[in-house]
Protein backbone atom coordinates (compact mmCIF):
# COMPACT_ATOMS: atom_id res chain seq x y z
CA MET A 1 120.38 -119.29 40.40
CA THR A 2 122.32 -119.31 43.63
CA LYS A 3 122.71 -122.59 45.46
CA ASN A 4 123.40 -123.09 49.15
CA GLY A 5 125.65 -126.11 48.75
CA SER A 6 122.92 -128.72 49.01
CA SER A 7 121.91 -130.56 45.91
CA THR A 8 118.62 -131.71 44.53
CA LYS A 9 118.55 -135.24 43.27
CA GLN A 10 116.08 -136.82 40.92
CA SER A 11 113.50 -137.65 43.55
CA ASP A 12 110.03 -139.05 43.60
CA MET A 13 108.67 -135.57 42.81
CA MET A 14 107.99 -136.64 39.24
CA ASN A 15 105.84 -139.53 40.51
CA ILE A 16 103.98 -137.19 42.86
CA LEU A 17 103.33 -134.74 40.03
CA ASN A 18 102.22 -137.55 37.77
CA ASP A 19 99.76 -138.78 40.43
CA PHE A 20 98.52 -135.22 40.98
CA LEU A 21 97.83 -134.70 37.28
CA MET A 22 96.19 -138.10 36.95
CA SER A 23 93.85 -137.36 39.85
CA HIS A 24 92.72 -134.23 38.00
CA CYS A 25 92.04 -136.32 34.93
CA LEU A 26 90.14 -138.98 36.88
CA ARG A 27 87.72 -136.28 37.95
CA LEU A 28 86.83 -135.85 34.29
CA GLY A 29 84.62 -138.91 34.57
CA LYS A 30 82.92 -137.73 37.77
CA GLY A 31 80.78 -134.86 36.53
CA LEU A 32 83.42 -132.14 36.47
CA GLU A 33 84.21 -132.50 32.77
CA LEU A 34 83.31 -129.05 31.52
CA ARG A 35 84.96 -127.09 34.32
CA ILE A 36 88.19 -129.09 34.24
CA VAL A 37 88.48 -129.14 30.45
CA ARG A 38 87.95 -125.35 30.35
CA SER A 39 90.55 -124.96 33.07
CA PHE A 40 93.14 -127.04 31.20
CA ARG A 41 92.43 -125.20 27.96
CA LYS A 42 93.06 -121.85 29.66
CA ARG A 43 96.25 -123.22 31.18
CA SER A 44 97.37 -124.63 27.83
CA HIS A 45 96.87 -121.21 26.25
CA LYS A 46 98.97 -119.66 29.03
CA GLU A 47 101.67 -122.33 28.57
CA SER A 48 101.83 -121.80 24.80
CA GLU A 49 102.13 -118.03 25.37
CA GLN A 50 105.04 -118.62 27.75
CA GLU A 51 106.72 -120.88 25.20
CA ARG A 52 106.15 -118.36 22.39
CA ARG A 53 107.72 -115.60 24.49
CA CYS A 54 110.73 -117.87 25.25
CA PHE A 55 110.10 -118.06 29.01
CA ILE A 56 109.92 -121.88 28.91
CA GLU A 57 111.11 -124.65 26.60
CA LYS A 58 110.19 -128.29 25.99
CA VAL A 59 112.58 -130.91 27.31
CA GLU A 60 113.15 -134.37 25.95
CA GLU A 61 112.69 -136.64 28.96
CA THR A 62 115.27 -139.07 27.61
CA LYS A 63 118.01 -136.49 28.20
CA LEU A 64 118.57 -136.50 31.96
CA PRO A 65 121.75 -134.61 32.84
CA ILE A 66 124.09 -136.31 35.29
CA ASP A 67 126.27 -133.29 36.04
CA ARG A 68 123.58 -130.93 37.36
CA PRO A 69 120.45 -131.09 39.51
CA VAL A 70 117.06 -131.98 38.07
CA HIS A 71 113.95 -130.93 39.95
CA TYR A 72 110.26 -131.09 39.02
CA ILE A 73 108.07 -128.28 40.30
CA PRO A 74 104.34 -128.76 40.97
CA HIS A 75 101.94 -126.09 39.76
CA HIS A 76 98.27 -125.16 39.76
CA HIS A 77 96.23 -122.34 38.37
CA VAL A 78 94.49 -119.56 40.26
CA ALA A 79 91.51 -117.76 38.77
CA LYS A 80 91.37 -114.04 39.54
CA GLU A 81 88.68 -111.45 38.99
CA SER A 82 91.24 -109.08 37.46
CA SER A 83 90.74 -108.22 33.82
CA THR A 84 94.48 -107.87 33.14
CA THR A 85 95.41 -111.37 34.31
CA PRO A 86 92.26 -113.47 34.72
CA MET A 87 94.24 -116.65 35.33
CA GLY A 88 97.67 -117.17 36.83
CA ILE A 89 99.84 -120.22 37.32
CA VAL A 90 101.39 -120.77 40.75
CA TYR A 91 104.57 -122.85 40.95
CA GLY A 92 105.23 -124.68 44.24
CA CYS A 93 108.99 -124.34 44.65
CA SER A 94 108.62 -125.18 48.36
CA CYS A 95 106.93 -128.53 47.72
CA LYS A 96 108.73 -131.62 49.05
CA ASP A 97 108.28 -135.17 47.88
CA GLY A 98 107.65 -136.48 51.41
CA ARG A 99 110.64 -138.83 51.43
CA GLY A 100 113.19 -136.54 53.04
CA ASN A 101 114.36 -134.94 49.81
CA GLN A 102 114.67 -131.18 49.75
CA SER A 103 112.41 -128.79 47.91
CA LEU A 104 113.88 -126.52 45.26
CA ASN A 105 113.68 -123.52 47.62
CA GLU A 106 115.65 -125.39 50.29
CA CYS A 107 118.47 -125.91 47.79
CA LEU A 108 118.65 -122.23 46.83
CA GLU A 109 120.28 -119.47 48.83
CA SER A 110 117.98 -116.90 50.33
CA HIS A 111 119.32 -113.34 50.22
CA PRO A 112 117.65 -110.23 51.56
CA PRO A 113 116.13 -108.15 48.78
CA VAL A 114 118.33 -105.28 47.62
CA MET A 115 115.62 -102.63 47.70
CA ASN A 116 115.46 -99.03 48.75
CA ASP A 117 113.84 -98.10 52.04
CA ILE A 118 110.15 -97.29 51.48
CA THR A 119 110.36 -94.27 53.81
CA GLY A 120 113.11 -92.69 51.70
CA ILE A 121 111.19 -93.42 48.51
CA LEU A 122 108.03 -91.74 49.86
CA MET A 123 109.97 -88.70 51.11
CA ARG A 124 111.63 -88.17 47.71
CA PHE A 125 108.27 -88.74 46.02
CA ARG A 126 106.63 -85.95 48.04
CA ALA A 127 109.58 -83.52 47.83
CA LYS A 128 109.21 -82.68 44.14
CA LYS A 129 106.40 -81.30 42.03
CA TYR A 130 106.34 -84.21 39.55
CA ALA A 131 106.85 -87.93 40.01
CA THR A 132 107.33 -90.77 37.58
CA THR A 133 106.61 -94.44 38.17
CA ALA A 134 107.11 -97.51 36.04
CA ASP A 135 106.23 -101.18 36.09
CA LEU A 136 108.12 -103.97 34.37
CA GLU A 137 105.77 -106.45 32.73
CA LYS A 138 106.64 -109.99 33.84
CA ALA A 139 109.83 -108.69 35.47
CA PHE A 140 111.11 -112.05 36.73
CA LEU A 141 110.56 -113.67 33.35
CA GLN A 142 112.69 -111.03 31.62
CA ILE A 143 115.85 -112.39 33.31
CA GLN A 144 117.35 -115.44 31.60
CA LEU A 145 118.55 -118.48 33.58
CA ASP A 146 121.96 -119.93 32.93
CA GLU A 147 121.75 -123.11 30.82
CA LYS A 148 123.13 -125.27 33.64
CA ASP A 149 120.41 -124.10 36.06
CA ARG A 150 117.40 -124.73 33.83
CA ASP A 151 116.92 -128.42 34.64
CA ALA A 152 116.22 -127.50 38.27
CA THR A 153 113.05 -125.74 37.08
CA ARG A 154 111.29 -128.54 35.20
CA PHE A 155 107.54 -129.07 35.35
CA LEU A 156 105.06 -131.46 33.78
CA TRP A 157 102.20 -130.36 31.55
CA LEU A 158 99.13 -132.17 30.25
CA SER A 159 98.76 -131.63 26.55
CA ASP A 160 95.06 -132.59 26.61
CA PRO A 161 93.24 -134.10 29.62
CA ALA A 162 90.66 -135.71 27.34
CA ASP A 163 93.24 -137.90 25.54
CA THR A 164 93.84 -141.46 26.68
CA PRO A 165 96.49 -142.32 27.66
CA ILE A 166 97.16 -138.87 29.01
CA PRO A 167 100.23 -137.39 27.30
CA LEU A 168 102.60 -135.52 29.61
CA ILE A 169 105.03 -132.93 28.30
CA THR A 170 108.10 -131.84 30.24
CA TYR A 171 109.03 -128.17 30.21
CA ARG A 172 111.69 -126.14 31.98
CA PHE A 173 112.09 -122.45 32.59
CA LYS A 174 114.53 -120.44 30.53
CA SER A 175 114.01 -117.46 32.82
CA VAL A 176 113.77 -116.73 36.53
CA LEU A 177 110.45 -117.94 37.88
CA PHE A 178 108.26 -116.25 40.45
CA GLY A 179 108.17 -118.33 43.63
CA ALA A 180 111.80 -119.41 43.90
CA THR A 181 113.61 -118.23 47.05
CA CYS A 182 116.32 -116.37 45.16
CA SER A 183 114.05 -114.70 42.56
CA SER A 184 113.56 -111.40 44.42
CA PHE A 185 117.28 -111.02 45.03
CA ILE A 186 118.12 -111.78 41.40
CA LEU A 187 115.58 -109.21 40.18
CA SER A 188 116.82 -106.55 42.61
CA ALA A 189 120.47 -107.23 41.79
CA THR A 190 119.67 -107.00 38.07
CA LEU A 191 117.81 -103.68 38.38
CA PHE A 192 120.19 -101.88 40.75
């Protein structure tokens, strides 16, 4: 991941994320049990799929690196009516901790995407008798992050919202995540 010279420091983001997750769990006792538990179960299935496909990995919280930035990214799920991806997870790389510390996106360089002009693409598409298109499944997640950059993409996960005390698991991305400022450039530079 490209950095713009600024550094992320271990901020209060972990406390903010912890409070955010706890507020979700407190709602369990206020009549929203079934909906929230179903939501967390769907998210846990998605998380285990990402771990199985080697997009993310568990992190031991006792191992905090001192030679590289550590950043915790908030996330939430979005339900969609699409049959291919009925539930997606959105990572908030632009989220700040409110104490003057920078978000992850502010610490990353923003490059213009290296893409072809859409007008040229459409003209070439119409000029021939046949056309071929393709789509890369989970394109961002197919590109591996360098080991030294992975701790900047940590996030917290609830193993089960019904357990007390609520166990939090720390994960980090092993691949480029959708939502980071530099992700589009990295994908374009990799493809072209």
